[in-house]
Amino acid sequence: MKTPHRNSLEFNCAWAAGFQFRKGFHGRLGYLLDWSGCGGLTLKKELRLAAPAVGAESRKGSKLECIGLIEQLRFEGGPSGPIGFRVYVSRGVAANVLNHFGNPLDSLRLKLSWHVFDFDEGRNCWFDAAHLKSPETAEALIDTRDGAPRLFMDNQPTVLSDTVDMKFFRFEFQVVPAPKKSTTLEFATSSQERRITRWGTAS
């Protein structure tokens, strides 16, 4: 069994709450903001959702345009450690992924970005728990296992809740840094504690 890297991190988010975010909710929420590449696939930002606001924006509220809501983000640590995502997306996004990956691919290279918010109960404030510091999108490759892309789209929908009959599709994928590309990532476990990580190498 592979030993986890000492700097590995896992963020489990309340994805369903993100579709109905209201003032007073205190939990972790994650958003997939950008995803394009793999031979010409650009996933549309079909969702415009209320989201937590951090710092000076906290009194104004916030709106985010995104591709989907993150249920889990897992970073295995280190400069080349894989980052795994489990995201819920719309029917349209799911159809585009299934159609695109049903054909032979010229490239597994892509650009993507994400943002995870969390709530510090002790200080009664939202904070940025996981996001890209620079540049605004990360250049990556879909990770592979035995030559196959580590990517899965469920073709059966998940209902948002017992009371809200909205359907979304589970999208899982894992990425590693693109060759000779570097991204600065920021992670935090509270509003007062942050970790800056260089992901990938520029040379």
C-alpha atoms as a PDB file:
ATOM      1  CA  MET A   1       0.000   0.000   0.000  1.00  0.00           C
ATOM      2  CA  LYS A   2       1.266   3.449  -0.928  1.00  0.00           C
ATOM      3  CA  THR A   3       2.165   5.618   2.078  1.00  0.00           C
ATOM      4  CA  PRO A   4       0.423   9.027   2.002  1.00  0.00           C
ATOM      5  CA  HIS A   5       2.708  12.046   1.543  1.00  0.00           C
ATOM      6  CA  ARG A   6       3.167  13.954   4.810  1.00  0.00           C
ATOM      7  CA  ASN A   7       1.694  17.055   3.143  1.00  0.00           C
ATOM      8  CA  SER A   8      -1.356  15.315   1.673  1.00  0.00           C
ATOM      9  CA  LEU A   9      -4.705  17.082   2.110  1.00  0.00           C
ATOM     10  CA  GLU A  10      -8.348  16.159   1.620  1.00  0.00           C
ATOM     11  CA  PHE A  11     -11.283  18.573   1.465  1.00  0.00           C
ATOM     12  CA  ASN A  12     -14.770  17.067   1.706  1.00  0.00           C
ATOM     13  CA  CYS A  13     -17.444  19.571   0.740  1.00  0.00           C
ATOM     14  CA  ALA A  14     -21.215  19.858   1.190  1.00  0.00           C
ATOM     15  CA  TRP A  15     -21.836  19.920  -2.560  1.00  0.00           C
ATOM     16  CA  ALA A  16     -25.652  19.816  -2.384  1.00  0.00           C
ATOM     17  CA  ALA A  17     -25.715  22.804  -0.012  1.00  0.00           C
ATOM     18  CA  GLY A  18     -23.746  24.760  -2.594  1.00  0.00           C
ATOM     19  CA  PHE A  19     -26.684  24.707  -5.013  1.00  0.00           C
ATOM     20  CA  GLN A  20     -28.886  26.300  -2.360  1.00  0.00           C
ATOM     21  CA  PHE A  21     -26.394  28.360  -0.365  1.00  0.00           C
ATOM     22  CA  ARG A  22     -28.054  30.667   2.145  1.00  0.00           C
ATOM     23  CA  LYS A  23     -26.802  33.037   4.801  1.00  0.00           C
ATOM     24  CA  GLY A  24     -26.396  31.105   8.022  1.00  0.00           C
ATOM     25  CA  PHE A  25     -24.963  27.962   6.421  1.00  0.00           C
ATOM     26  CA  HIS A  26     -21.542  27.165   7.883  1.00  0.00           C
ATOM     27  CA  GLY A  27     -19.736  24.366   6.069  1.00  0.00           C
ATOM     28  CA  ARG A  28     -17.168  23.682   3.393  1.00  0.00           C
ATOM     29  CA  LEU A  29     -18.109  24.486  -0.211  1.00  0.00           C
ATOM     30  CA  GLY A  30     -16.071  23.897  -3.374  1.00  0.00           C
ATOM     31  CA  TYR A  31     -16.488  25.113  -6.959  1.00  0.00           C
ATOM     32  CA  LEU A  32     -14.942  23.900 -10.228  1.00  0.00           C
ATOM     33  CA  LEU A  33     -14.403  27.183 -12.073  1.00  0.00           C
ATOM     34  CA  ASP A  34     -12.581  26.266 -15.307  1.00  0.00           C
ATOM     35  CA  TRP A  35     -11.838  23.097 -17.265  1.00  0.00           C
ATOM     36  CA  SER A  36     -10.637  23.097 -20.897  1.00  0.00           C
ATOM     37  CA  GLY A  37      -8.339  21.003 -23.059  1.00  0.00           C
ATOM     38  CA  CYS A  38      -7.905  17.290 -23.848  1.00  0.00           C
ATOM     39  CA  GLY A  39      -8.131  18.003 -27.567  1.00  0.00           C
ATOM     40  CA  GLY A  40     -10.686  20.818 -27.653  1.00  0.00           C
ATOM     41  CA  LEU A  41     -13.201  20.216 -24.855  1.00  0.00           C
ATOM     42  CA  THR A  42     -14.262  23.337 -22.952  1.00  0.00           C
ATOM     43  CA  LEU A  43     -16.774  22.742 -20.188  1.00  0.00           C
ATOM     44  CA  LYS A  44     -19.342  25.517 -19.933  1.00  0.00           C
ATOM     45  CA  LYS A  45     -20.004  27.479 -16.781  1.00  0.00           C
ATOM     46  CA  GLU A  46     -23.691  26.649 -16.715  1.00  0.00           C
ATOM     47  CA  LEU A  47     -24.221  27.501 -13.038  1.00  0.00           C
ATOM     48  CA  ARG A  48     -24.392  30.922 -11.403  1.00  0.00           C
ATOM     49  CA  LEU A  49     -24.634  30.401  -7.666  1.00  0.00           C
ATOM     50  CA  ALA A  50     -24.590  32.338  -4.445  1.00  0.00           C
ATOM     51  CA  ALA A  51     -21.302  31.696  -2.660  1.00  0.00           C
ATOM     52  CA  PRO A  52     -19.482  32.685   0.524  1.00  0.00           C
ATOM     53  CA  ALA A  53     -17.613  35.986   0.494  1.00  0.00           C
ATOM     54  CA  VAL A  54     -14.274  36.427   2.232  1.00  0.00           C
ATOM     55  CA  GLY A  55     -12.724  39.460   3.889  1.00  0.00           C
ATOM     56  CA  ALA A  56     -13.840  42.887   2.698  1.00  0.00           C
ATOM     57  CA  GLU A  57     -16.518  41.328   0.475  1.00  0.00           C
ATOM     58  CA  SER A  58     -18.163  39.410   3.314  1.00  0.00           C
ATOM     59  CA  ARG A  59     -20.973  41.911   3.843  1.00  0.00           C
ATOM     60  CA  LYS A  60     -21.902  42.129   0.172  1.00  0.00           C
ATOM     61  CA  GLY A  61     -22.410  38.464  -0.614  1.00  0.00           C
ATOM     62  CA  SER A  62     -20.977  36.859  -3.714  1.00  0.00           C
ATOM     63  CA  LYS A  63     -21.970  35.111  -6.936  1.00  0.00           C
ATOM     64  CA  LEU A  64     -19.834  32.566  -8.770  1.00  0.00           C
ATOM     65  CA  GLU A  65     -20.145  31.200 -12.296  1.00  0.00           C
ATOM     66  CA  CYS A  66     -18.937  27.630 -12.261  1.00  0.00           C
ATOM     67  CA  ILE A  67     -18.991  24.278 -14.019  1.00  0.00           C
ATOM     68  CA  GLY A  68     -19.946  22.254 -10.972  1.00  0.00           C
ATOM     69  CA  LEU A  69     -19.829  21.782  -7.211  1.00  0.00           C
ATOM     70  CA  ILE A  70     -16.952  19.868  -5.653  1.00  0.00           C
ATOM     71  CA  GLU A  71     -17.742  17.018  -3.284  1.00  0.00           C
ATOM     72  CA  GLN A  72     -14.110  16.077  -2.688  1.00  0.00           C
ATOM     73  CA  LEU A  73     -10.710  17.549  -3.537  1.00  0.00           C
ATOM     74  CA  ARG A  74      -7.740  15.360  -2.637  1.00  0.00           C
ATOM     75  CA  PHE A  75      -4.111  16.504  -2.962  1.00  0.00           C
ATOM     76  CA  GLU A  76      -1.484  13.834  -2.420  1.00  0.00           C
ATOM     77  CA  GLY A  77       1.204  16.393  -1.574  1.00  0.00           C
ATOM     78  CA  GLY A  78       4.599  17.256  -2.997  1.00  0.00           C
ATOM     79  CA  PRO A  79       5.521  19.204  -6.158  1.00  0.00           C
ATOM     80  CA  SER A  80       4.207  16.521  -8.506  1.00  0.00           C
ATOM     81  CA  GLY A  81       1.487  14.946  -6.373  1.00  0.00           C
ATOM     82  CA  PRO A  82      -1.811  14.117  -8.118  1.00  0.00           C
ATOM     83  CA  ILE A  83      -4.933  16.138  -7.342  1.00  0.00           C
ATOM     84  CA  GLY A  84      -8.190  14.209  -7.455  1.00  0.00           C
ATOM     85  CA  PHE A  85     -11.650  15.742  -7.860  1.00  0.00           C
ATOM     86  CA  ARG A  86     -15.208  14.506  -7.380  1.00  0.00           C
ATOM     87  CA  VAL A  87     -17.615  17.079  -8.800  1.00  0.00           C
ATOM     88  CA  TYR A  88     -21.351  17.265  -9.530  1.00  0.00           C
ATOM     89  CA  VAL A  89     -22.240  18.819 -12.890  1.00  0.00           C
ATOM     90  CA  SER A  90     -25.282  19.445 -15.084  1.00  0.00           C
ATOM     91  CA  ARG A  91     -26.699  17.077 -17.676  1.00  0.00           C
ATOM     92  CA  GLY A  92     -25.249  19.219 -20.476  1.00  0.00           C
ATOM     93  CA  VAL A  93     -21.716  19.107 -19.086  1.00  0.00           C
ATOM     94  CA  ALA A  94     -22.005  15.360 -18.465  1.00  0.00           C
ATOM     95  CA  ALA A  95     -23.113  14.749 -22.065  1.00  0.00           C
ATOM     96  CA  ASN A  96     -20.191  16.769 -23.441  1.00  0.00           C
ATOM     97  CA  VAL A  97     -17.663  14.832 -21.346  1.00  0.00           C
ATOM     98  CA  LEU A  98     -19.119  11.436 -22.273  1.00  0.00           C
ATOM     99  CA  ASN A  99     -19.205  12.311 -25.983  1.00  0.00           C
ATOM    100  CA  HIS A 100     -15.679  13.717 -26.029  1.00  0.00           C
ATOM    101  CA  PHE A 101     -14.005  10.904 -24.111  1.00  0.00           C
ATOM    102  CA  GLY A 102     -15.860   8.316 -26.173  1.00  0.00           C
ATOM    103  CA  ASN A 103     -13.465   9.130 -29.033  1.00  0.00           C
ATOM    104  CA  PRO A 104      -9.681   8.686 -29.356  1.00  0.00           C
ATOM    105  CA  LEU A 105      -7.842  11.617 -27.746  1.00  0.00           C
ATOM    106  CA  ASP A 106      -4.948  13.578 -29.206  1.00  0.00           C
ATOM    107  CA  SER A 107      -3.958  15.049 -25.859  1.00  0.00           C
ATOM    108  CA  LEU A 108      -4.606  14.723 -22.121  1.00  0.00           C
ATOM    109  CA  ARG A 109      -3.413  18.278 -21.431  1.00  0.00           C
ATOM    110  CA  LEU A 110      -5.852  20.745 -19.882  1.00  0.00           C
ATOM    111  CA  LYS A 111      -6.221  23.977 -17.933  1.00  0.00           C
ATOM    112  CA  LEU A 112      -8.395  24.142 -14.850  1.00  0.00           C
ATOM    113  CA  SER A 113      -9.132  26.135 -11.728  1.00  0.00           C
ATOM    114  CA  TRP A 114     -11.110  25.652  -8.522  1.00  0.00           C
ATOM    115  CA  HIS A 115     -11.975  27.341  -5.240  1.00  0.00           C
ATOM    116  CA  VAL A 116     -12.897  25.841  -1.868  1.00  0.00           C
ATOM    117  CA  PHE A 117     -14.315  27.950   0.975  1.00  0.00           C
ATOM    118  CA  ASP A 118     -14.576  26.950   4.623  1.00  0.00           C
ATOM    119  CA  PHE A 119     -15.967  28.536   7.774  1.00  0.00           C
ATOM    120  CA  ASP A 120     -13.879  29.309  10.862  1.00  0.00           C
ATOM    121  CA  GLU A 121     -16.290  28.797  13.749  1.00  0.00           C
ATOM    122  CA  GLY A 122     -13.873  30.272  16.288  1.00  0.00           C
ATOM    123  CA  ARG A 123     -13.546  33.583  14.438  1.00  0.00           C
ATOM    124  CA  ASN A 124     -17.009  33.490  12.844  1.00  0.00           C
ATOM    125  CA  CYS A 125     -15.770  34.125   9.310  1.00  0.00           C
ATOM    126  CA  TRP A 126     -15.345  32.467   5.931  1.00  0.00           C
ATOM    127  CA  PHE A 127     -11.872  31.807   4.534  1.00  0.00           C
ATOM    128  CA  ASP A 128     -10.254  30.470   1.352  1.00  0.00           C
ATOM    129  CA  ALA A 129      -9.426  26.821   2.036  1.00  0.00           C
ATOM    130  CA  ALA A 130      -8.039  25.747  -1.361  1.00  0.00           C
ATOM    131  CA  HIS A 131      -7.412  27.791  -4.481  1.00  0.00           C
ATOM    132  CA  LEU A 132      -4.870  28.839  -7.090  1.00  0.00           C
ATOM    133  CA  LYS A 133      -2.700  31.789  -6.065  1.00  0.00           C
ATOM    134  CA  SER A 134      -0.910  32.229  -9.413  1.00  0.00           C
ATOM    135  CA  PRO A 135      -1.499  31.908 -12.277  1.00  0.00           C
ATOM    136  CA  GLU A 136      -5.317  31.888 -12.335  1.00  0.00           C
ATOM    137  CA  THR A 137      -5.472  28.498 -14.084  1.00  0.00           C
ATOM    138  CA  ALA A 138      -3.276  25.442 -13.631  1.00  0.00           C
ATOM    139  CA  GLU A 139      -1.781  23.617 -16.602  1.00  0.00           C
ATOM    140  CA  ALA A 140      -2.110  19.893 -16.024  1.00  0.00           C
ATOM    141  CA  LEU A 141      -2.459  16.437 -17.536  1.00  0.00           C
ATOM    142  CA  ILE A 142      -5.194  13.922 -16.851  1.00  0.00           C
ATOM    143  CA  ASP A 143      -3.434  11.228 -14.848  1.00  0.00           C
ATOM    144  CA  THR A 144      -3.413   7.697 -16.258  1.00  0.00           C
ATOM    145  CA  ARG A 145      -3.440   4.152 -14.940  1.00  0.00           C
ATOM    146  CA  ASP A 146      -2.206   1.406 -17.257  1.00  0.00           C
ATOM    147  CA  GLY A 147      -2.497   3.900 -20.125  1.00  0.00           C
ATOM    148  CA  ALA A 148      -6.150   4.794 -19.453  1.00  0.00           C
ATOM    149  CA  PRO A 149      -7.207   8.303 -18.335  1.00  0.00           C
ATOM    150  CA  ARG A 150      -8.193   8.523 -14.686  1.00  0.00           C
ATOM    151  CA  LEU A 151     -11.553  10.074 -15.470  1.00  0.00           C
ATOM    152  CA  PHE A 152     -15.103   8.878 -14.856  1.00  0.00           C
ATOM    153  CA  MET A 153     -18.511  10.374 -15.573  1.00  0.00           C
ATOM    154  CA  ASP A 154     -21.538   8.670 -14.046  1.00  0.00           C
ATOM    155  CA  ASN A 155     -24.296   8.271 -16.637  1.00  0.00           C
ATOM    156  CA  GLN A 156     -26.929   7.923 -13.914  1.00  0.00           C
ATOM    157  CA  PRO A 157     -28.023  11.173 -12.222  1.00  0.00           C
ATOM    158  CA  THR A 158     -28.046  11.960  -8.529  1.00  0.00           C
ATOM    159  CA  VAL A 159     -31.093  13.817  -7.186  1.00  0.00           C
ATOM    160  CA  LEU A 160     -30.180  16.935  -5.247  1.00  0.00           C
ATOM    161  CA  SER A 161     -32.392  16.133  -2.254  1.00  0.00           C
ATOM    162  CA  ASP A 162     -35.636  14.511  -1.171  1.00  0.00           C
ATOM    163  CA  THR A 163     -37.425  17.836  -1.513  1.00  0.00           C
ATOM    164  CA  VAL A 164     -35.689  19.294  -4.604  1.00  0.00           C
ATOM    165  CA  ASP A 165     -36.001  17.201  -7.771  1.00  0.00           C
ATOM    166  CA  MET A 166     -32.911  18.535  -9.548  1.00  0.00           C
ATOM    167  CA  LYS A 167     -30.520  16.030 -11.102  1.00  0.00           C
ATOM    168  CA  PHE A 168     -26.745  16.230 -11.354  1.00  0.00           C
ATOM    169  CA  PHE A 169     -24.007  13.881 -12.527  1.00  0.00           C
ATOM    170  CA  ARG A 170     -20.899  12.756 -10.656  1.00  0.00           C
ATOM    171  CA  PHE A 171     -17.673  13.614 -12.479  1.00  0.00           C
ATOM    172  CA  GLU A 172     -14.381  12.220 -11.140  1.00  0.00           C
ATOM    173  CA  PHE A 173     -10.912  12.910 -12.483  1.00  0.00           C
ATOM    174  CA  GLN A 174      -7.317  13.113 -11.339  1.00  0.00           C
ATOM    175  CA  VAL A 175      -4.644  15.474 -12.656  1.00  0.00           C
ATOM    176  CA  VAL A 176      -0.871  15.862 -12.402  1.00  0.00           C
ATOM    177  CA  PRO A 177       1.215  18.925 -13.333  1.00  0.00           C
ATOM    178  CA  ALA A 178       1.953  19.471 -17.034  1.00  0.00           C
ATOM    179  CA  PRO A 179       5.654  19.167 -17.959  1.00  0.00           C
ATOM    180  CA  LYS A 180       7.667  22.352 -17.377  1.00  0.00           C
ATOM    181  CA  LYS A 181       4.678  24.168 -15.869  1.00  0.00           C
ATOM    182  CA  SER A 182       4.308  25.430 -12.339  1.00  0.00           C
ATOM    183  CA  THR A 183       1.361  26.702 -10.298  1.00  0.00           C
ATOM    184  CA  THR A 184       1.305  28.221  -6.818  1.00  0.00           C
ATOM    185  CA  LEU A 185      -1.463  26.672  -4.729  1.00  0.00           C
ATOM    186  CA  GLU A 186      -2.759  27.934  -1.400  1.00  0.00           C
ATOM    187  CA  PHE A 187      -4.391  25.743   1.233  1.00  0.00           C
ATOM    188  CA  ALA A 188      -5.739  26.615   4.672  1.00  0.00           C
ATOM    189  CA  THR A 189      -7.278  24.762   7.588  1.00  0.00           C
ATOM    190  CA  SER A 190      -8.394  27.948   9.386  1.00  0.00           C
ATOM    191  CA  SER A 191      -8.594  31.685   8.730  1.00  0.00           C
ATOM    192  CA  GLN A 192      -5.225  32.123  10.478  1.00  0.00           C
ATOM    193  CA  GLU A 193      -3.202  29.236   9.054  1.00  0.00           C
ATOM    194  CA  ARG A 194      -2.135  28.973   5.411  1.00  0.00           C
ATOM    195  CA  ARG A 195       0.143  26.757   3.368  1.00  0.00           C
ATOM    196  CA  ILE A 196       1.677  27.824   0.051  1.00  0.00           C
ATOM    197  CA  THR A 197       2.663  24.956  -2.259  1.00  0.00           C
ATOM    198  CA  ARG A 198       4.467  24.966  -5.596  1.00  0.00           C
ATOM    199  CA  TRP A 199       2.813  22.387  -7.848  1.00  0.00           C
ATOM    200  CA  GLY A 200       4.884  21.339 -10.841  1.00  0.00           C
ATOM    201  CA  THR A 201       8.263  22.574 -12.038  1.00  0.00           C
ATOM    202  CA  ALA A 202       8.941  25.387 -14.488  1.00  0.00           C
ATOM    203  CA  SER A 203      12.090  23.800 -15.919  1.00  0.00           C
END
